[in-house]
N, C-alpha and C. Protein backbone atom coordinates (compact mmCIF):
# COMPACT_ATOMS: atom_id res chain seq x y z
N UNK A 1 -3.92 -37.15 1.25
CA UNK A 1 -2.85 -36.99 0.29
C UNK A 1 -2.19 -35.63 0.52
N UNK A 2 -0.87 -35.60 0.57
CA UNK A 2 -0.12 -34.37 0.77
C UNK A 2 0.42 -33.88 -0.56
N UNK A 3 0.34 -32.61 -0.77
CA UNK A 3 0.88 -32.01 -1.98
C UNK A 3 2.14 -31.24 -1.63
N UNK A 4 3.17 -31.40 -2.44
CA UNK A 4 4.39 -30.63 -2.24
C UNK A 4 4.13 -29.20 -2.70
N UNK A 5 4.58 -28.26 -1.91
CA UNK A 5 4.35 -26.85 -2.25
C UNK A 5 5.58 -26.05 -1.88
N UNK A 6 6.06 -25.24 -2.81
CA UNK A 6 7.22 -24.40 -2.57
C UNK A 6 6.86 -23.13 -1.82
N UNK A 7 5.61 -22.75 -1.82
CA UNK A 7 5.20 -21.50 -1.19
C UNK A 7 5.11 -21.67 0.31
N UNK A 8 5.63 -20.69 1.01
CA UNK A 8 5.55 -20.64 2.45
C UNK A 8 4.17 -20.09 2.83
N UNK A 9 3.53 -20.68 3.83
CA UNK A 9 2.22 -20.16 4.23
C UNK A 9 2.40 -18.80 4.90
N UNK A 10 1.42 -17.96 4.72
CA UNK A 10 1.49 -16.59 5.23
C UNK A 10 0.88 -16.54 6.62
N UNK A 11 1.65 -16.03 7.55
CA UNK A 11 1.19 -15.88 8.92
C UNK A 11 0.12 -14.79 8.97
N UNK A 12 -0.92 -14.99 9.76
CA UNK A 12 -2.03 -14.03 9.79
C UNK A 12 -2.28 -13.42 11.16
N UNK A 13 -1.75 -14.00 12.21
CA UNK A 13 -1.97 -13.48 13.56
C UNK A 13 -0.67 -12.96 14.14
N UNK A 14 -0.74 -11.76 14.74
CA UNK A 14 0.45 -11.11 15.28
C UNK A 14 0.16 -10.58 16.67
N UNK A 15 1.20 -10.54 17.51
CA UNK A 15 1.04 -10.10 18.89
C UNK A 15 0.84 -8.59 18.99
N UNK A 16 1.60 -7.84 18.19
CA UNK A 16 1.54 -6.37 18.26
C UNK A 16 2.15 -5.77 16.99
N UNK A 17 2.24 -4.45 16.98
CA UNK A 17 2.77 -3.74 15.82
C UNK A 17 4.20 -4.19 15.50
N UNK A 18 5.03 -4.33 16.52
CA UNK A 18 6.43 -4.71 16.29
C UNK A 18 6.54 -6.10 15.69
N UNK A 19 5.74 -7.02 16.17
CA UNK A 19 5.71 -8.39 15.64
C UNK A 19 5.32 -8.38 14.16
N UNK A 20 4.29 -7.61 13.82
CA UNK A 20 3.86 -7.49 12.43
C UNK A 20 4.94 -6.85 11.57
N UNK A 21 5.54 -5.78 12.05
CA UNK A 21 6.59 -5.09 11.31
C UNK A 21 7.79 -6.00 11.07
N UNK A 22 8.22 -6.72 12.10
CA UNK A 22 9.34 -7.66 11.95
C UNK A 22 9.03 -8.71 10.88
N UNK A 23 7.82 -9.21 10.88
CA UNK A 23 7.42 -10.23 9.91
C UNK A 23 7.42 -9.67 8.48
N UNK A 24 6.82 -8.50 8.29
CA UNK A 24 6.71 -7.90 6.95
C UNK A 24 8.09 -7.60 6.38
N UNK A 25 9.00 -7.06 7.18
CA UNK A 25 10.30 -6.64 6.67
C UNK A 25 11.35 -7.76 6.67
N UNK A 26 10.98 -8.97 7.08
CA UNK A 26 11.85 -10.14 6.94
C UNK A 26 11.73 -10.63 5.50
N UNK A 27 12.81 -10.53 4.74
CA UNK A 27 12.78 -10.84 3.31
C UNK A 27 12.32 -12.26 2.99
N UNK A 28 12.45 -13.18 3.91
CA UNK A 28 12.08 -14.56 3.63
C UNK A 28 10.56 -14.78 3.61
N UNK A 29 9.77 -13.79 4.02
CA UNK A 29 8.32 -13.96 4.10
C UNK A 29 7.55 -13.51 2.86
N UNK A 30 8.22 -12.94 1.86
CA UNK A 30 7.59 -12.63 0.59
C UNK A 30 7.02 -11.23 0.43
N UNK A 31 7.09 -10.41 1.48
CA UNK A 31 6.58 -9.04 1.39
C UNK A 31 7.62 -8.09 0.79
N UNK A 32 8.90 -8.48 0.80
CA UNK A 32 10.00 -7.65 0.32
C UNK A 32 10.61 -8.29 -0.92
N UNK A 33 10.79 -7.49 -1.98
CA UNK A 33 11.43 -7.95 -3.22
C UNK A 33 12.58 -7.01 -3.53
N UNK A 34 13.70 -7.57 -4.02
CA UNK A 34 14.91 -6.78 -4.29
C UNK A 34 15.42 -6.97 -5.70
N UNK A 35 16.09 -5.94 -6.18
CA UNK A 35 16.88 -6.00 -7.41
C UNK A 35 18.18 -5.28 -7.09
N UNK A 36 19.31 -5.99 -7.22
CA UNK A 36 20.61 -5.40 -6.91
C UNK A 36 21.45 -5.25 -8.16
N UNK A 37 22.16 -4.15 -8.23
CA UNK A 37 23.09 -3.87 -9.31
C UNK A 37 24.42 -3.46 -8.70
N UNK A 38 25.36 -3.07 -9.51
CA UNK A 38 26.71 -2.77 -9.03
C UNK A 38 26.71 -1.77 -7.87
N UNK A 39 26.11 -0.62 -8.06
CA UNK A 39 26.16 0.43 -7.05
C UNK A 39 24.86 0.63 -6.29
N UNK A 40 23.78 0.06 -6.79
CA UNK A 40 22.46 0.39 -6.26
C UNK A 40 21.62 -0.85 -6.03
N UNK A 41 20.83 -0.81 -4.97
CA UNK A 41 19.85 -1.86 -4.69
C UNK A 41 18.47 -1.22 -4.65
N UNK A 42 17.52 -1.81 -5.38
CA UNK A 42 16.13 -1.36 -5.39
C UNK A 42 15.32 -2.35 -4.56
N UNK A 43 14.49 -1.85 -3.66
CA UNK A 43 13.70 -2.72 -2.79
C UNK A 43 12.24 -2.26 -2.81
N UNK A 44 11.34 -3.21 -3.01
CA UNK A 44 9.90 -2.94 -2.99
C UNK A 44 9.28 -3.80 -1.89
N UNK A 45 8.49 -3.19 -1.01
CA UNK A 45 7.87 -3.90 0.10
C UNK A 45 6.37 -3.65 0.08
N UNK A 46 5.59 -4.74 0.08
CA UNK A 46 4.14 -4.60 0.23
C UNK A 46 3.86 -4.28 1.69
N UNK A 47 3.09 -3.23 1.95
CA UNK A 47 2.76 -2.82 3.31
C UNK A 47 1.29 -3.10 3.59
N UNK A 48 0.99 -4.06 4.47
CA UNK A 48 -0.40 -4.30 4.84
C UNK A 48 -1.01 -3.03 5.45
N UNK A 49 -2.26 -2.79 5.18
CA UNK A 49 -2.94 -1.57 5.65
C UNK A 49 -2.83 -1.41 7.17
N UNK A 50 -2.96 -2.50 7.89
CA UNK A 50 -2.92 -2.40 9.35
C UNK A 50 -1.57 -1.89 9.84
N UNK A 51 -0.51 -2.22 9.13
CA UNK A 51 0.81 -1.71 9.51
C UNK A 51 0.88 -0.19 9.28
N UNK A 52 0.28 0.27 8.19
CA UNK A 52 0.24 1.70 7.90
C UNK A 52 -0.53 2.44 9.01
N UNK A 53 -1.69 1.92 9.38
CA UNK A 53 -2.51 2.57 10.41
C UNK A 53 -1.80 2.57 11.77
N UNK A 54 -1.16 1.46 12.10
CA UNK A 54 -0.47 1.36 13.39
C UNK A 54 0.73 2.29 13.46
N UNK A 55 1.35 2.53 12.32
CA UNK A 55 2.49 3.46 12.30
C UNK A 55 2.02 4.86 12.72
N UNK A 56 0.81 5.22 12.33
CA UNK A 56 0.26 6.53 12.68
C UNK A 56 -0.33 6.57 14.09
N UNK A 57 -0.87 5.45 14.55
CA UNK A 57 -1.50 5.42 15.88
C UNK A 57 -1.42 4.00 16.43
N UNK A 58 -0.42 3.75 17.27
CA UNK A 58 -0.17 2.40 17.78
C UNK A 58 -1.23 1.94 18.77
N UNK A 59 -2.13 2.83 19.21
CA UNK A 59 -3.12 2.44 20.22
C UNK A 59 -4.43 1.94 19.61
N UNK A 60 -4.52 1.84 18.29
CA UNK A 60 -5.75 1.37 17.66
C UNK A 60 -6.06 -0.07 18.06
N UNK A 61 -7.34 -0.35 18.31
CA UNK A 61 -7.75 -1.71 18.64
C UNK A 61 -7.98 -2.50 17.36
N UNK A 62 -8.14 -3.80 17.50
CA UNK A 62 -8.40 -4.66 16.34
C UNK A 62 -9.69 -4.24 15.63
N UNK A 63 -10.73 -3.91 16.39
CA UNK A 63 -12.00 -3.48 15.78
C UNK A 63 -11.83 -2.18 15.00
N UNK A 64 -11.07 -1.24 15.56
CA UNK A 64 -10.82 0.02 14.85
C UNK A 64 -10.02 -0.24 13.57
N UNK A 65 -9.03 -1.12 13.67
CA UNK A 65 -8.22 -1.46 12.49
C UNK A 65 -9.08 -2.11 11.41
N UNK A 66 -9.98 -3.02 11.82
CA UNK A 66 -10.87 -3.67 10.84
C UNK A 66 -11.78 -2.65 10.16
N UNK A 67 -12.28 -1.68 10.93
CA UNK A 67 -13.14 -0.64 10.35
C UNK A 67 -12.38 0.20 9.34
N UNK A 68 -11.16 0.61 9.69
CA UNK A 68 -10.35 1.40 8.75
C UNK A 68 -10.03 0.61 7.50
N UNK A 69 -9.74 -0.67 7.66
CA UNK A 69 -9.40 -1.52 6.52
C UNK A 69 -10.59 -1.63 5.57
N UNK A 70 -11.80 -1.73 6.11
CA UNK A 70 -12.99 -1.81 5.25
C UNK A 70 -13.20 -0.53 4.46
N UNK A 71 -12.93 0.62 5.09
CA UNK A 71 -13.08 1.91 4.40
C UNK A 71 -12.13 1.99 3.21
N UNK A 72 -10.91 1.55 3.40
CA UNK A 72 -9.89 1.61 2.35
C UNK A 72 -9.68 0.24 1.73
N UNK A 73 -10.71 -0.51 1.56
CA UNK A 73 -10.62 -1.88 1.08
C UNK A 73 -9.90 -2.00 -0.26
N UNK A 74 -10.03 -1.03 -1.14
CA UNK A 74 -9.45 -1.12 -2.48
C UNK A 74 -8.19 -0.29 -2.64
N UNK A 75 -7.48 -0.03 -1.55
CA UNK A 75 -6.24 0.74 -1.58
C UNK A 75 -5.08 -0.17 -1.17
N UNK A 76 -3.97 -0.04 -1.89
CA UNK A 76 -2.78 -0.85 -1.62
C UNK A 76 -1.58 0.06 -1.47
N UNK A 77 -0.70 -0.30 -0.51
CA UNK A 77 0.48 0.51 -0.20
C UNK A 77 1.76 -0.31 -0.41
N UNK A 78 2.79 0.37 -0.91
CA UNK A 78 4.10 -0.24 -1.08
C UNK A 78 5.16 0.78 -0.67
N UNK A 79 6.22 0.29 -0.05
CA UNK A 79 7.39 1.14 0.20
C UNK A 79 8.43 0.80 -0.86
N UNK A 80 8.91 1.82 -1.54
CA UNK A 80 9.97 1.66 -2.53
C UNK A 80 11.20 2.34 -1.97
N UNK A 81 12.29 1.60 -1.87
CA UNK A 81 13.52 2.14 -1.29
C UNK A 81 14.67 1.87 -2.25
N UNK A 82 15.51 2.89 -2.44
CA UNK A 82 16.69 2.78 -3.29
C UNK A 82 17.91 3.01 -2.41
N UNK A 83 18.80 2.00 -2.35
CA UNK A 83 19.99 2.06 -1.52
C UNK A 83 21.23 2.32 -2.38
N UNK A 84 22.19 3.04 -1.80
CA UNK A 84 23.53 3.09 -2.36
C UNK A 84 24.32 1.96 -1.71
N UNK A 85 24.94 1.09 -2.50
CA UNK A 85 25.62 -0.09 -1.94
C UNK A 85 26.86 0.24 -1.12
N UNK A 86 27.41 1.44 -1.29
CA UNK A 86 28.63 1.78 -0.56
C UNK A 86 28.37 2.67 0.66
N UNK A 87 27.13 2.77 1.08
CA UNK A 87 26.80 3.57 2.25
C UNK A 87 26.48 5.02 1.95
N UNK A 88 26.59 5.43 0.69
CA UNK A 88 26.22 6.80 0.30
C UNK A 88 24.79 6.83 -0.18
N UNK A 89 24.20 8.00 -0.12
CA UNK A 89 22.87 8.18 -0.72
C UNK A 89 23.00 7.94 -2.22
N UNK A 90 22.05 7.24 -2.83
CA UNK A 90 22.14 6.96 -4.26
C UNK A 90 22.10 8.21 -5.14
N UNK A 91 21.67 9.34 -4.60
CA UNK A 91 21.66 10.55 -5.42
C UNK A 91 23.07 10.95 -5.84
N UNK A 92 24.09 10.54 -5.09
CA UNK A 92 25.46 10.90 -5.43
C UNK A 92 25.97 10.18 -6.67
N UNK A 93 25.27 9.13 -7.11
CA UNK A 93 25.67 8.44 -8.34
C UNK A 93 25.25 9.21 -9.58
N UNK A 94 24.30 10.11 -9.45
CA UNK A 94 23.80 10.84 -10.62
C UNK A 94 24.00 12.35 -10.50
N UNK A 95 24.33 12.84 -9.33
CA UNK A 95 24.53 14.28 -9.17
C UNK A 95 25.48 14.53 -8.01
N UNK A 96 26.47 15.37 -8.27
CA UNK A 96 27.41 15.69 -7.20
C UNK A 96 27.38 17.17 -6.81
N UNK A 97 26.37 17.89 -7.30
CA UNK A 97 26.25 19.29 -6.91
C UNK A 97 24.84 19.59 -6.41
N UNK A 98 24.70 20.69 -5.76
CA UNK A 98 23.43 21.05 -5.14
C UNK A 98 22.33 21.27 -6.17
N UNK A 99 22.65 21.91 -7.30
CA UNK A 99 21.65 22.16 -8.33
C UNK A 99 21.10 20.84 -8.89
N UNK A 100 21.99 19.88 -9.14
CA UNK A 100 21.56 18.56 -9.62
C UNK A 100 20.68 17.86 -8.60
N UNK A 101 21.03 18.01 -7.32
CA UNK A 101 20.22 17.41 -6.26
C UNK A 101 18.82 18.01 -6.25
N UNK A 102 18.73 19.33 -6.41
CA UNK A 102 17.42 19.98 -6.43
C UNK A 102 16.58 19.49 -7.61
N UNK A 103 17.20 19.28 -8.76
CA UNK A 103 16.47 18.76 -9.93
C UNK A 103 15.95 17.35 -9.65
N UNK A 104 16.79 16.51 -9.04
CA UNK A 104 16.35 15.16 -8.68
C UNK A 104 15.20 15.22 -7.67
N UNK A 105 15.31 16.09 -6.72
CA UNK A 105 14.27 16.25 -5.71
C UNK A 105 12.95 16.64 -6.38
N UNK A 106 13.00 17.55 -7.34
CA UNK A 106 11.79 17.94 -8.08
C UNK A 106 11.23 16.77 -8.87
N UNK A 107 12.11 16.02 -9.54
CA UNK A 107 11.65 14.88 -10.33
C UNK A 107 10.94 13.87 -9.45
N UNK A 108 11.58 13.48 -8.34
CA UNK A 108 10.98 12.49 -7.45
C UNK A 108 9.71 13.01 -6.80
N UNK A 109 9.65 14.29 -6.53
CA UNK A 109 8.49 14.87 -5.87
C UNK A 109 7.30 15.10 -6.79
N UNK A 110 7.56 15.34 -8.10
CA UNK A 110 6.46 15.76 -8.97
C UNK A 110 6.24 14.93 -10.22
N UNK A 111 7.26 14.25 -10.74
CA UNK A 111 7.12 13.54 -12.02
C UNK A 111 7.21 12.02 -11.90
N UNK A 112 7.85 11.55 -10.85
CA UNK A 112 8.13 10.12 -10.71
C UNK A 112 6.86 9.27 -10.69
N UNK A 113 5.77 9.78 -10.12
CA UNK A 113 4.54 8.99 -9.98
C UNK A 113 4.02 8.49 -11.33
N UNK A 114 4.35 9.17 -12.41
CA UNK A 114 3.90 8.76 -13.75
C UNK A 114 4.63 7.50 -14.22
N UNK A 115 5.72 7.15 -13.56
CA UNK A 115 6.56 6.01 -13.96
C UNK A 115 6.28 4.76 -13.15
N UNK A 116 5.27 4.79 -12.28
CA UNK A 116 4.99 3.69 -11.36
C UNK A 116 3.63 3.09 -11.72
N UNK A 117 3.62 1.77 -12.03
CA UNK A 117 2.39 1.10 -12.49
C UNK A 117 2.20 -0.21 -11.74
N UNK A 118 0.96 -0.49 -11.32
CA UNK A 118 0.58 -1.79 -10.79
C UNK A 118 -0.09 -2.55 -11.93
N UNK A 119 0.37 -3.79 -12.18
CA UNK A 119 -0.18 -4.60 -13.28
C UNK A 119 -0.67 -5.94 -12.76
N UNK A 120 -1.75 -6.43 -13.36
CA UNK A 120 -2.19 -7.81 -13.19
C UNK A 120 -2.46 -8.33 -14.60
N UNK A 121 -2.94 -9.57 -14.69
CA UNK A 121 -3.29 -10.12 -16.01
C UNK A 121 -4.45 -9.36 -16.63
N UNK A 122 -5.32 -8.77 -15.80
CA UNK A 122 -6.55 -8.13 -16.30
C UNK A 122 -6.44 -6.62 -16.51
N UNK A 123 -5.56 -5.95 -15.79
CA UNK A 123 -5.52 -4.48 -15.88
C UNK A 123 -4.15 -3.95 -15.46
N UNK A 124 -3.96 -2.67 -15.73
CA UNK A 124 -2.82 -1.97 -15.17
C UNK A 124 -3.26 -0.57 -14.75
N UNK A 125 -2.63 -0.05 -13.70
CA UNK A 125 -3.05 1.24 -13.15
C UNK A 125 -1.84 1.99 -12.64
N UNK A 126 -1.76 3.27 -12.99
CA UNK A 126 -0.69 4.12 -12.47
C UNK A 126 -0.94 4.39 -10.99
N UNK A 127 0.14 4.68 -10.28
CA UNK A 127 0.03 5.01 -8.86
C UNK A 127 -0.86 6.23 -8.67
N UNK A 128 -1.73 6.15 -7.68
CA UNK A 128 -2.59 7.29 -7.35
C UNK A 128 -1.78 8.40 -6.69
N UNK A 129 -0.86 7.99 -5.83
CA UNK A 129 0.00 8.94 -5.12
C UNK A 129 1.37 8.29 -4.93
N UNK A 130 2.41 9.11 -5.02
CA UNK A 130 3.76 8.69 -4.65
C UNK A 130 4.30 9.76 -3.72
N UNK A 131 4.62 9.35 -2.50
CA UNK A 131 5.17 10.28 -1.53
C UNK A 131 6.67 10.04 -1.43
N UNK A 132 7.45 11.05 -1.75
CA UNK A 132 8.91 10.99 -1.68
C UNK A 132 9.34 11.57 -0.35
N UNK A 133 10.07 10.80 0.43
CA UNK A 133 10.56 11.28 1.71
C UNK A 133 11.95 11.82 1.47
N UNK A 134 12.07 13.12 1.37
CA UNK A 134 13.35 13.76 1.07
C UNK A 134 14.25 13.73 2.30
N UNK A 135 15.47 13.28 2.11
CA UNK A 135 16.41 13.16 3.22
C UNK A 135 17.64 14.05 3.05
N UNK A 136 17.66 14.82 1.98
CA UNK A 136 18.77 15.72 1.69
C UNK A 136 20.11 14.99 1.61
N UNK A 137 20.09 13.73 1.22
CA UNK A 137 21.31 12.97 1.04
C UNK A 137 21.97 12.54 2.33
N UNK A 138 21.26 12.60 3.45
CA UNK A 138 21.86 12.30 4.75
C UNK A 138 21.83 10.83 5.12
N UNK A 139 20.99 10.03 4.49
CA UNK A 139 20.93 8.60 4.75
C UNK A 139 21.25 7.85 3.46
N UNK A 140 21.70 6.60 3.54
CA UNK A 140 22.13 5.89 2.33
C UNK A 140 21.00 5.27 1.52
N UNK A 141 19.83 5.89 1.53
CA UNK A 141 18.72 5.39 0.72
C UNK A 141 17.74 6.52 0.42
N UNK A 142 16.89 6.28 -0.58
CA UNK A 142 15.76 7.16 -0.89
C UNK A 142 14.50 6.37 -0.59
N UNK A 143 13.52 6.99 0.03
CA UNK A 143 12.28 6.31 0.41
C UNK A 143 11.07 6.92 -0.29
N UNK A 144 10.16 6.04 -0.72
CA UNK A 144 8.92 6.44 -1.36
C UNK A 144 7.78 5.60 -0.79
N UNK A 145 6.62 6.20 -0.61
CA UNK A 145 5.41 5.46 -0.29
C UNK A 145 4.55 5.51 -1.54
N UNK A 146 4.25 4.34 -2.11
CA UNK A 146 3.44 4.23 -3.32
C UNK A 146 2.03 3.84 -2.91
N UNK A 147 1.03 4.55 -3.42
CA UNK A 147 -0.37 4.29 -3.08
C UNK A 147 -1.15 4.04 -4.36
N UNK A 148 -1.90 2.94 -4.38
CA UNK A 148 -2.76 2.60 -5.51
C UNK A 148 -4.19 2.53 -4.99
N UNK A 149 -5.05 3.44 -5.47
CA UNK A 149 -6.46 3.51 -5.05
C UNK A 149 -7.36 2.84 -6.07
N UNK A 150 -8.58 2.51 -5.62
CA UNK A 150 -9.64 1.99 -6.50
C UNK A 150 -9.22 0.75 -7.29
N UNK A 151 -8.61 -0.18 -6.60
CA UNK A 151 -8.22 -1.44 -7.23
C UNK A 151 -9.09 -2.54 -6.63
N UNK A 152 -9.82 -3.22 -7.48
CA UNK A 152 -10.76 -4.25 -7.02
C UNK A 152 -10.32 -5.62 -7.52
N UNK A 153 -10.58 -6.61 -6.70
CA UNK A 153 -10.45 -8.02 -7.10
C UNK A 153 -9.09 -8.37 -7.69
N UNK A 154 -8.08 -8.37 -6.84
CA UNK A 154 -6.78 -8.88 -7.27
C UNK A 154 -6.83 -10.39 -7.10
N UNK A 155 -6.94 -11.09 -8.22
CA UNK A 155 -7.08 -12.54 -8.20
C UNK A 155 -5.86 -13.27 -8.73
N UNK A 156 -4.82 -12.55 -9.09
CA UNK A 156 -3.61 -13.20 -9.55
C UNK A 156 -2.40 -12.37 -9.12
N UNK A 157 -1.24 -12.83 -9.48
CA UNK A 157 0.00 -12.15 -9.14
C UNK A 157 -0.05 -10.70 -9.60
N UNK A 158 0.56 -9.82 -8.82
CA UNK A 158 0.67 -8.44 -9.27
C UNK A 158 2.13 -8.10 -9.53
N UNK A 159 2.31 -7.12 -10.38
CA UNK A 159 3.65 -6.63 -10.71
C UNK A 159 3.64 -5.13 -10.46
N UNK A 160 4.61 -4.67 -9.70
CA UNK A 160 4.83 -3.23 -9.58
C UNK A 160 5.97 -2.93 -10.55
N UNK A 161 5.67 -2.12 -11.53
CA UNK A 161 6.63 -1.81 -12.60
C UNK A 161 7.05 -0.35 -12.49
N UNK A 162 8.36 -0.12 -12.48
CA UNK A 162 8.90 1.23 -12.37
C UNK A 162 9.86 1.47 -13.52
N UNK A 163 9.66 2.57 -14.21
CA UNK A 163 10.57 2.96 -15.28
C UNK A 163 11.65 3.84 -14.67
N UNK A 164 12.83 3.26 -14.46
CA UNK A 164 13.94 3.98 -13.82
C UNK A 164 14.68 4.81 -14.87
N UNK A 165 14.40 6.08 -14.90
CA UNK A 165 15.08 6.99 -15.83
C UNK A 165 16.24 7.71 -15.16
N UNK A 166 16.33 7.66 -13.86
CA UNK A 166 17.36 8.40 -13.14
C UNK A 166 18.67 7.63 -13.09
N UNK A 167 18.63 6.37 -12.72
CA UNK A 167 19.85 5.59 -12.54
C UNK A 167 20.22 4.76 -13.76
N UNK A 168 19.32 4.71 -14.75
CA UNK A 168 19.63 4.06 -16.02
C UNK A 168 19.41 2.56 -16.07
N UNK A 169 18.58 2.01 -15.21
CA UNK A 169 18.34 0.56 -15.21
C UNK A 169 17.07 0.16 -15.94
N UNK A 170 16.37 1.11 -16.54
CA UNK A 170 15.19 0.80 -17.35
C UNK A 170 14.00 0.36 -16.52
N UNK A 171 13.24 -0.59 -17.08
CA UNK A 171 12.03 -1.08 -16.41
C UNK A 171 12.41 -2.07 -15.31
N UNK A 172 11.96 -1.80 -14.10
CA UNK A 172 12.17 -2.70 -12.96
C UNK A 172 10.82 -3.28 -12.58
N UNK A 173 10.72 -4.61 -12.56
CA UNK A 173 9.46 -5.28 -12.21
C UNK A 173 9.64 -6.04 -10.90
N UNK A 174 8.70 -5.85 -9.99
CA UNK A 174 8.68 -6.53 -8.71
C UNK A 174 7.40 -7.35 -8.63
N UNK A 175 7.51 -8.66 -8.44
CA UNK A 175 6.38 -9.59 -8.48
C UNK A 175 5.94 -9.96 -7.07
N UNK A 176 4.62 -9.91 -6.83
CA UNK A 176 4.04 -10.28 -5.54
C UNK A 176 2.91 -11.28 -5.75
N UNK A 177 2.91 -12.36 -4.97
CA UNK A 177 1.83 -13.35 -5.02
C UNK A 177 0.52 -12.73 -4.54
N UNK A 178 -0.58 -13.21 -5.08
CA UNK A 178 -1.89 -12.69 -4.65
C UNK A 178 -2.14 -12.98 -3.17
N UNK A 179 -1.55 -14.05 -2.65
CA UNK A 179 -1.73 -14.39 -1.23
C UNK A 179 -1.14 -13.31 -0.33
N UNK A 180 -0.06 -12.68 -0.78
CA UNK A 180 0.56 -11.60 0.00
C UNK A 180 -0.35 -10.38 0.04
N UNK A 181 -0.78 -9.91 -1.14
CA UNK A 181 -1.57 -8.67 -1.19
C UNK A 181 -2.99 -8.84 -0.67
N UNK A 182 -3.48 -10.06 -0.60
CA UNK A 182 -4.83 -10.31 -0.09
C UNK A 182 -4.83 -10.89 1.33
N UNK A 183 -3.68 -10.90 1.99
CA UNK A 183 -3.59 -11.52 3.32
C UNK A 183 -4.45 -10.76 4.33
N UNK A 184 -5.14 -11.50 5.16
CA UNK A 184 -6.01 -10.96 6.21
C UNK A 184 -5.25 -11.05 7.53
N UNK A 185 -4.82 -9.91 8.02
CA UNK A 185 -3.95 -9.86 9.20
C UNK A 185 -4.76 -9.47 10.44
N UNK A 186 -4.47 -10.15 11.55
CA UNK A 186 -5.12 -9.87 12.84
C UNK A 186 -4.04 -9.61 13.88
N UNK A 187 -4.34 -8.69 14.79
CA UNK A 187 -3.47 -8.44 15.93
C UNK A 187 -4.13 -9.00 17.17
N UNK A 188 -3.35 -9.70 17.98
CA UNK A 188 -3.88 -10.28 19.23
C UNK A 188 -3.64 -9.30 20.37
N UNK A 189 -4.27 -8.14 20.27
CA UNK A 189 -4.05 -7.12 21.31
C UNK A 189 -5.33 -6.83 22.05
């Protein structure tokens, strides 16, 4: 008997780092979630641990990757990106002078992590670390690496919730299936 299912199956085997990266950042595969507004687009991407490790050292073998993954078994990574829809850095929508930019830089660097929460049906947890990649307004987006440590047994959908106080859009929720965050990825290298 066949069951109809709307969910796309998650690919688990990849040829190399580039193959994995292409798959993760293809919006149709479920790792990337978006919220678009008039001037700004918010994007949240679940980053598999192996992709994080390969970004730092592309020569790691599958066995080395598996060992690293076991060490950080209860850690989850997400990339949060904010785009300006007109090709400008989104900071220009809230500040047009250098002093305002410095205040935003301080906020994103030191206070923003308190506004980022991972939720499931059973618990919620603030981000352990939020790394803001400062670009000085030179690219049309802001980048953040969100890290959640000591999270055990994700058995249902997760929500990454962000309280946007800078651009005025309030609470932004990004939903990820448990199959995405629990996917077991292998590289055929």
